[in-house]
ModelCIF file with pLDDT and N, C-alpha, C, O atoms, coordinates in Angstrom:
data_MODEL
#
_entry.id   MODEL 
#
_entity.id                         1 
_entity.type                       polymer 
_entity.pdbx_number_of_molecules   1 
#
_entity_poly.entity_id                      1 
_entity_poly.type                           'polypeptide(L)' 
_entity_poly.nstd_linkage                   no 
_entity_poly.nstd_monomer                   no 
_entity_poly.pdbx_seq_one_letter_code       TAPHAMSYKLSSLYSAPHGHAVAVCMPKV 
_entity_poly.pdbx_seq_one_letter_code_can   TAPHAMSYKLSSLYSAPHGHAVAVCMPKV 
_entity_poly.pdbx_strand_id                 A 
#
loop_
_entity_poly_seq.entity_id 
_entity_poly_seq.num 
_entity_poly_seq.mon_id 
_entity_poly_seq.hetero 
1 1  THR n 
1 2  ALA n 
1 3  PRO n 
1 4  HIS n 
1 5  ALA n 
1 6  MET n 
1 7  SER n 
1 8  TYR n 
1 9  LYS n 
1 10 LEU n 
1 11 SER n 
1 12 SER n 
1 13 LEU n 
1 14 TYR n 
1 15 SER n 
1 16 ALA n 
1 17 PRO n 
1 18 HIS n 
1 19 GLY n 
1 20 HIS n 
1 21 ALA n 
1 22 VAL n 
1 23 ALA n 
1 24 VAL n 
1 25 CYS n 
1 26 MET n 
1 27 PRO n 
1 28 LYS n 
1 29 VAL n 
#
_struct_asym.id          A 
_struct_asym.entity_id   1 
#
loop_
_ma_qa_metric.id 
_ma_qa_metric.mode 
_ma_qa_metric.name 
_ma_qa_metric.software_group_id 
_ma_qa_metric.type 
1 global pLDDT . pLDDT 
2 local  pLDDT . pLDDT 
#
_ma_qa_metric_global.metric_id      1 
_ma_qa_metric_global.metric_value   94.69 
_ma_qa_metric_global.model_id       1 
_ma_qa_metric_global.ordinal_id     1 
#
loop_
_ma_qa_metric_local.label_asym_id 
_ma_qa_metric_local.label_comp_id 
_ma_qa_metric_local.label_seq_id 
_ma_qa_metric_local.metric_id 
_ma_qa_metric_local.metric_value 
_ma_qa_metric_local.model_id 
_ma_qa_metric_local.ordinal_id 
A THR 1  2 89.00 1 1  
A ALA 2  2 94.00 1 2  
A PRO 3  2 94.00 1 3  
A HIS 4  2 91.00 1 4  
A ALA 5  2 92.00 1 5  
A MET 6  2 95.00 1 6  
A SER 7  2 94.00 1 7  
A TYR 8  2 93.00 1 8  
A LYS 9  2 95.00 1 9  
A LEU 10 2 95.00 1 10 
A SER 11 2 95.00 1 11 
A SER 12 2 95.00 1 12 
A LEU 13 2 96.00 1 13 
A TYR 14 2 96.00 1 14 
A SER 15 2 94.00 1 15 
A ALA 16 2 94.00 1 16 
A PRO 17 2 95.00 1 17 
A HIS 18 2 93.00 1 18 
A GLY 19 2 92.00 1 19 
A HIS 20 2 95.00 1 20 
A ALA 21 2 96.00 1 21 
A VAL 22 2 95.00 1 22 
A ALA 23 2 96.00 1 23 
A VAL 24 2 97.00 1 24 
A CYS 25 2 97.00 1 25 
A MET 26 2 97.00 1 26 
A PRO 27 2 97.00 1 27 
A LYS 28 2 97.00 1 28 
A VAL 29 2 97.00 1 29 
#
loop_
_atom_site.group_PDB 
_atom_site.id 
_atom_site.type_symbol 
_atom_site.label_atom_id 
_atom_site.label_alt_id 
_atom_site.label_comp_id 
_atom_site.label_asym_id 
_atom_site.label_entity_id 
_atom_site.label_seq_id 
_atom_site.pdbx_PDB_ins_code 
_atom_site.Cartn_x 
_atom_site.Cartn_y 
_atom_site.Cartn_z 
_atom_site.occupancy 
_atom_site.B_iso_or_equiv 
_atom_site.pdbx_formal_charge 
_atom_site.auth_seq_id 
_atom_site.auth_comp_id 
_atom_site.auth_asym_id 
_atom_site.auth_atom_id 
_atom_site.pdbx_PDB_model_num 
ATOM 1   N N  . THR A 1 1  ? 11.817 -16.586 -4.383  1.00 89.00 ? 1  THR A N  1 
ATOM 2   C CA . THR A 1 1  ? 11.985 -16.900 -6.180  1.00 89.00 ? 1  THR A CA 1 
ATOM 3   C C  . THR A 1 1  ? 11.183 -15.928 -6.573  1.00 89.00 ? 1  THR A C  1 
ATOM 4   O O  . THR A 1 1  ? 10.640 -15.242 -5.707  1.00 89.00 ? 1  THR A O  1 
ATOM 5   N N  . ALA A 1 2  ? 10.961 -15.688 -7.866  1.00 94.00 ? 2  ALA A N  1 
ATOM 6   C CA . ALA A 1 2  ? 10.278 -14.534 -8.708  1.00 94.00 ? 2  ALA A CA 1 
ATOM 7   C C  . ALA A 1 2  ? 9.100  -13.607 -7.904  1.00 94.00 ? 2  ALA A C  1 
ATOM 8   O O  . ALA A 1 2  ? 9.046  -12.379 -7.832  1.00 94.00 ? 2  ALA A O  1 
ATOM 9   N N  . PRO A 1 3  ? 8.110  -14.685 -7.283  1.00 94.00 ? 3  PRO A N  1 
ATOM 10  C CA . PRO A 1 3  ? 7.057  -13.690 -6.562  1.00 94.00 ? 3  PRO A CA 1 
ATOM 11  C C  . PRO A 1 3  ? 7.590  -12.840 -5.770  1.00 94.00 ? 3  PRO A C  1 
ATOM 12  O O  . PRO A 1 3  ? 7.073  -11.726 -5.851  1.00 94.00 ? 3  PRO A O  1 
ATOM 13  N N  . HIS A 1 4  ? 8.773  -12.978 -4.731  1.00 91.00 ? 4  HIS A N  1 
ATOM 14  C CA . HIS A 1 4  ? 9.277  -12.563 -3.902  1.00 91.00 ? 4  HIS A CA 1 
ATOM 15  C C  . HIS A 1 4  ? 9.749  -11.473 -4.414  1.00 91.00 ? 4  HIS A C  1 
ATOM 16  O O  . HIS A 1 4  ? 9.277  -10.360 -4.183  1.00 91.00 ? 4  HIS A O  1 
ATOM 17  N N  . ALA A 1 5  ? 11.084 -11.786 -5.429  1.00 92.00 ? 5  ALA A N  1 
ATOM 18  C CA . ALA A 1 5  ? 11.823 -10.678 -5.922  1.00 92.00 ? 5  ALA A CA 1 
ATOM 19  C C  . ALA A 1 5  ? 11.139 -9.518  -6.844  1.00 92.00 ? 5  ALA A C  1 
ATOM 20  O O  . ALA A 1 5  ? 11.666 -8.451  -7.156  1.00 92.00 ? 5  ALA A O  1 
ATOM 21  N N  . MET A 1 6  ? 9.890  -9.962  -7.191  1.00 95.00 ? 6  MET A N  1 
ATOM 22  C CA . MET A 1 6  ? 8.619  -8.863  -7.767  1.00 95.00 ? 6  MET A CA 1 
ATOM 23  C C  . MET A 1 6  ? 8.204  -8.062  -6.825  1.00 95.00 ? 6  MET A C  1 
ATOM 24  O O  . MET A 1 6  ? 8.076  -6.882  -7.152  1.00 95.00 ? 6  MET A O  1 
ATOM 25  N N  . SER A 1 7  ? 7.892  -8.432  -5.480  1.00 94.00 ? 7  SER A N  1 
ATOM 26  C CA . SER A 1 7  ? 7.060  -7.919  -4.488  1.00 94.00 ? 7  SER A CA 1 
ATOM 27  C C  . SER A 1 7  ? 7.293  -6.639  -4.007  1.00 94.00 ? 7  SER A C  1 
ATOM 28  O O  . SER A 1 7  ? 6.412  -5.798  -3.832  1.00 94.00 ? 7  SER A O  1 
ATOM 29  N N  . TYR A 1 8  ? 8.694  -6.463  -3.753  1.00 93.00 ? 8  TYR A N  1 
ATOM 30  C CA . TYR A 1 8  ? 9.440  -5.260  -2.860  1.00 93.00 ? 8  TYR A CA 1 
ATOM 31  C C  . TYR A 1 8  ? 8.831  -3.877  -3.482  1.00 93.00 ? 8  TYR A C  1 
ATOM 32  O O  . TYR A 1 8  ? 8.309  -2.966  -2.840  1.00 93.00 ? 8  TYR A O  1 
ATOM 33  N N  . LYS A 1 9  ? 9.012  -3.945  -4.761  1.00 95.00 ? 9  LYS A N  1 
ATOM 34  C CA . LYS A 1 9  ? 8.619  -2.339  -5.186  1.00 95.00 ? 9  LYS A CA 1 
ATOM 35  C C  . LYS A 1 9  ? 7.191  -2.311  -5.429  1.00 95.00 ? 9  LYS A C  1 
ATOM 36  O O  . LYS A 1 9  ? 6.570  -1.263  -5.613  1.00 95.00 ? 9  LYS A O  1 
ATOM 37  N N  . LEU A 1 10 ? 6.599  -3.634  -5.430  1.00 95.00 ? 10 LEU A N  1 
ATOM 38  C CA . LEU A 1 10 ? 4.791  -3.363  -5.199  1.00 95.00 ? 10 LEU A CA 1 
ATOM 39  C C  . LEU A 1 10 ? 4.196  -2.920  -3.980  1.00 95.00 ? 10 LEU A C  1 
ATOM 40  O O  . LEU A 1 10 ? 3.122  -2.366  -3.747  1.00 95.00 ? 10 LEU A O  1 
ATOM 41  N N  . SER A 1 11 ? 5.248  -3.334  -3.177  1.00 95.00 ? 11 SER A N  1 
ATOM 42  C CA . SER A 1 11 ? 4.984  -3.278  -1.498  1.00 95.00 ? 11 SER A CA 1 
ATOM 43  C C  . SER A 1 11 ? 5.310  -1.490  -1.127  1.00 95.00 ? 11 SER A C  1 
ATOM 44  O O  . SER A 1 11 ? 4.641  -0.935  -0.255  1.00 95.00 ? 11 SER A O  1 
ATOM 45  N N  . SER A 1 12 ? 6.072  -0.958  -1.669  1.00 95.00 ? 12 SER A N  1 
ATOM 46  C CA . SER A 1 12 ? 6.227  0.494   -1.442  1.00 95.00 ? 12 SER A CA 1 
ATOM 47  C C  . SER A 1 12 ? 5.611  1.059   -2.301  1.00 95.00 ? 12 SER A C  1 
ATOM 48  O O  . SER A 1 12 ? 4.756  1.772   -1.776  1.00 95.00 ? 12 SER A O  1 
ATOM 49  N N  . LEU A 1 13 ? 5.595  1.125   -3.533  1.00 96.00 ? 13 LEU A N  1 
ATOM 50  C CA . LEU A 1 13 ? 4.740  1.776   -4.608  1.00 96.00 ? 13 LEU A CA 1 
ATOM 51  C C  . LEU A 1 13 ? 3.709  1.902   -4.489  1.00 96.00 ? 13 LEU A C  1 
ATOM 52  O O  . LEU A 1 13 ? 3.101  2.883   -4.917  1.00 96.00 ? 13 LEU A O  1 
ATOM 53  N N  . TYR A 1 14 ? 3.056  0.703   -3.713  1.00 96.00 ? 14 TYR A N  1 
ATOM 54  C CA . TYR A 1 14 ? 1.485  0.762   -3.310  1.00 96.00 ? 14 TYR A CA 1 
ATOM 55  C C  . TYR A 1 14 ? 0.779  0.710   -2.078  1.00 96.00 ? 14 TYR A C  1 
ATOM 56  O O  . TYR A 1 14 ? -0.400 0.614   -1.737  1.00 96.00 ? 14 TYR A O  1 
ATOM 57  N N  . SER A 1 15 ? 2.018  0.816   -1.454  1.00 94.00 ? 15 SER A N  1 
ATOM 58  C CA . SER A 1 15 ? 1.623  0.575   0.077   1.00 94.00 ? 15 SER A CA 1 
ATOM 59  C C  . SER A 1 15 ? 0.870  -0.724  0.269   1.00 94.00 ? 15 SER A C  1 
ATOM 60  O O  . SER A 1 15 ? -0.286 -0.692  0.690   1.00 94.00 ? 15 SER A O  1 
ATOM 61  N N  . ALA A 1 16 ? 1.468  -1.854  -0.016  1.00 94.00 ? 16 ALA A N  1 
ATOM 62  C CA . ALA A 1 16 ? 0.734  -2.952  -0.249  1.00 94.00 ? 16 ALA A CA 1 
ATOM 63  C C  . ALA A 1 16 ? 1.835  -3.948  0.941   1.00 94.00 ? 16 ALA A C  1 
ATOM 64  O O  . ALA A 1 16 ? 3.037  -4.144  0.764   1.00 94.00 ? 16 ALA A O  1 
ATOM 65  N N  . PRO A 1 17 ? 1.114  -4.388  1.968   1.00 95.00 ? 17 PRO A N  1 
ATOM 66  C CA . PRO A 1 17 ? 1.953  -5.453  2.930   1.00 95.00 ? 17 PRO A CA 1 
ATOM 67  C C  . PRO A 1 17 ? 2.725  -6.476  2.018   1.00 95.00 ? 17 PRO A C  1 
ATOM 68  O O  . PRO A 1 17 ? 2.394  -6.633  0.843   1.00 95.00 ? 17 PRO A O  1 
ATOM 69  N N  . HIS A 1 18 ? 3.524  -7.007  2.461   1.00 93.00 ? 18 HIS A N  1 
ATOM 70  C CA . HIS A 1 18 ? 4.559  -7.742  1.820   1.00 93.00 ? 18 HIS A CA 1 
ATOM 71  C C  . HIS A 1 18 ? 3.985  -8.866  1.066   1.00 93.00 ? 18 HIS A C  1 
ATOM 72  O O  . HIS A 1 18 ? 4.079  -9.165  -0.124  1.00 93.00 ? 18 HIS A O  1 
ATOM 73  N N  . GLY A 1 19 ? 3.226  -9.540  2.277   1.00 92.00 ? 19 GLY A N  1 
ATOM 74  C CA . GLY A 1 19 ? 2.321  -10.945 1.880   1.00 92.00 ? 19 GLY A CA 1 
ATOM 75  C C  . GLY A 1 19 ? 1.607  -10.823 0.678   1.00 92.00 ? 19 GLY A C  1 
ATOM 76  O O  . GLY A 1 19 ? 1.730  -11.561 -0.299  1.00 92.00 ? 19 GLY A O  1 
ATOM 77  N N  . HIS A 1 20 ? 0.746  -9.717  0.807   1.00 95.00 ? 20 HIS A N  1 
ATOM 78  C CA . HIS A 1 20 ? -0.298 -9.437  -0.408  1.00 95.00 ? 20 HIS A CA 1 
ATOM 79  C C  . HIS A 1 20 ? 0.377  -9.099  -1.465  1.00 95.00 ? 20 HIS A C  1 
ATOM 80  O O  . HIS A 1 20 ? -0.161 -9.276  -2.558  1.00 95.00 ? 20 HIS A O  1 
ATOM 81  N N  . ALA A 1 21 ? 1.704  -8.537  -1.401  1.00 96.00 ? 21 ALA A N  1 
ATOM 82  C CA . ALA A 1 21 ? 2.436  -8.250  -2.835  1.00 96.00 ? 21 ALA A CA 1 
ATOM 83  C C  . ALA A 1 21 ? 3.032  -9.426  -3.834  1.00 96.00 ? 21 ALA A C  1 
ATOM 84  O O  . ALA A 1 21 ? 3.015  -9.504  -5.062  1.00 96.00 ? 21 ALA A O  1 
ATOM 85  N N  . VAL A 1 22 ? 3.638  -10.427 -2.689  1.00 95.00 ? 22 VAL A N  1 
ATOM 86  C CA . VAL A 1 22 ? 3.872  -11.575 -3.103  1.00 95.00 ? 22 VAL A CA 1 
ATOM 87  C C  . VAL A 1 22 ? 2.684  -12.408 -3.544  1.00 95.00 ? 22 VAL A C  1 
ATOM 88  O O  . VAL A 1 22 ? 2.705  -12.885 -4.679  1.00 95.00 ? 22 VAL A O  1 
ATOM 89  N N  . ALA A 1 23 ? 1.707  -12.613 -2.790  1.00 96.00 ? 23 ALA A N  1 
ATOM 90  C CA . ALA A 1 23 ? 0.164  -13.307 -3.238  1.00 96.00 ? 23 ALA A CA 1 
ATOM 91  C C  . ALA A 1 23 ? -0.654 -12.946 -4.474  1.00 96.00 ? 23 ALA A C  1 
ATOM 92  O O  . ALA A 1 23 ? -1.579 -13.581 -4.980  1.00 96.00 ? 23 ALA A O  1 
ATOM 93  N N  . VAL A 1 24 ? 0.016  -11.515 -4.936  1.00 97.00 ? 24 VAL A N  1 
ATOM 94  C CA . VAL A 1 24 ? -0.360 -11.121 -6.028  1.00 97.00 ? 24 VAL A CA 1 
ATOM 95  C C  . VAL A 1 24 ? 0.162  -11.700 -7.415  1.00 97.00 ? 24 VAL A C  1 
ATOM 96  O O  . VAL A 1 24 ? -0.531 -11.931 -8.406  1.00 97.00 ? 24 VAL A O  1 
ATOM 97  N N  . CYS A 1 25 ? 1.730  -11.912 -7.251  1.00 97.00 ? 25 CYS A N  1 
ATOM 98  C CA . CYS A 1 25 ? 2.728  -12.022 -8.084  1.00 97.00 ? 25 CYS A CA 1 
ATOM 99  C C  . CYS A 1 25 ? 2.670  -13.621 -8.069  1.00 97.00 ? 25 CYS A C  1 
ATOM 100 O O  . CYS A 1 25 ? 3.448  -14.236 -8.799  1.00 97.00 ? 25 CYS A O  1 
ATOM 101 N N  . MET A 1 26 ? 1.866  -14.230 -7.345  1.00 97.00 ? 26 MET A N  1 
ATOM 102 C CA . MET A 1 26 ? 2.202  -16.019 -7.209  1.00 97.00 ? 26 MET A CA 1 
ATOM 103 C C  . MET A 1 26 ? 1.594  -16.727 -8.669  1.00 97.00 ? 26 MET A C  1 
ATOM 104 O O  . MET A 1 26 ? 2.041  -17.605 -9.406  1.00 97.00 ? 26 MET A O  1 
ATOM 105 N N  . PRO A 1 27 ? 0.381  -15.911 -8.696  1.00 97.00 ? 27 PRO A N  1 
ATOM 106 C CA . PRO A 1 27 ? -0.162 -16.847 -9.867  1.00 97.00 ? 27 PRO A CA 1 
ATOM 107 C C  . PRO A 1 27 ? 0.077  -16.337 -11.482 1.00 97.00 ? 27 PRO A C  1 
ATOM 108 O O  . PRO A 1 27 ? -0.214 -16.776 -12.595 1.00 97.00 ? 27 PRO A O  1 
ATOM 109 N N  . LYS A 1 28 ? 0.578  -15.494 -11.093 1.00 97.00 ? 28 LYS A N  1 
ATOM 110 C CA . LYS A 1 28 ? 1.153  -15.118 -12.556 1.00 97.00 ? 28 LYS A CA 1 
ATOM 111 C C  . LYS A 1 28 ? 2.348  -15.812 -13.277 1.00 97.00 ? 28 LYS A C  1 
ATOM 112 O O  . LYS A 1 28 ? 2.592  -16.287 -14.386 1.00 97.00 ? 28 LYS A O  1 
ATOM 113 N N  . VAL A 1 29 ? 3.118  -15.582 -11.787 1.00 97.00 ? 29 VAL A N  1 
ATOM 114 C CA . VAL A 1 29 ? 4.667  -16.392 -11.961 1.00 97.00 ? 29 VAL A CA 1 
ATOM 115 C C  . VAL A 1 29 ? 4.545  -18.117 -12.110 1.00 97.00 ? 29 VAL A C  1 
ATOM 116 O O  . VAL A 1 29 ? 5.562  -18.799 -12.238 1.00 97.00 ? 29 VAL A O  1 
#
């Protein structure tokens, strides 16, 4: 869902591991 959809560019732009990027999106969504 949305946290994953939002995570991909966060991972590449900020060199964040995928799970980390999903995790920081999760509470907002």
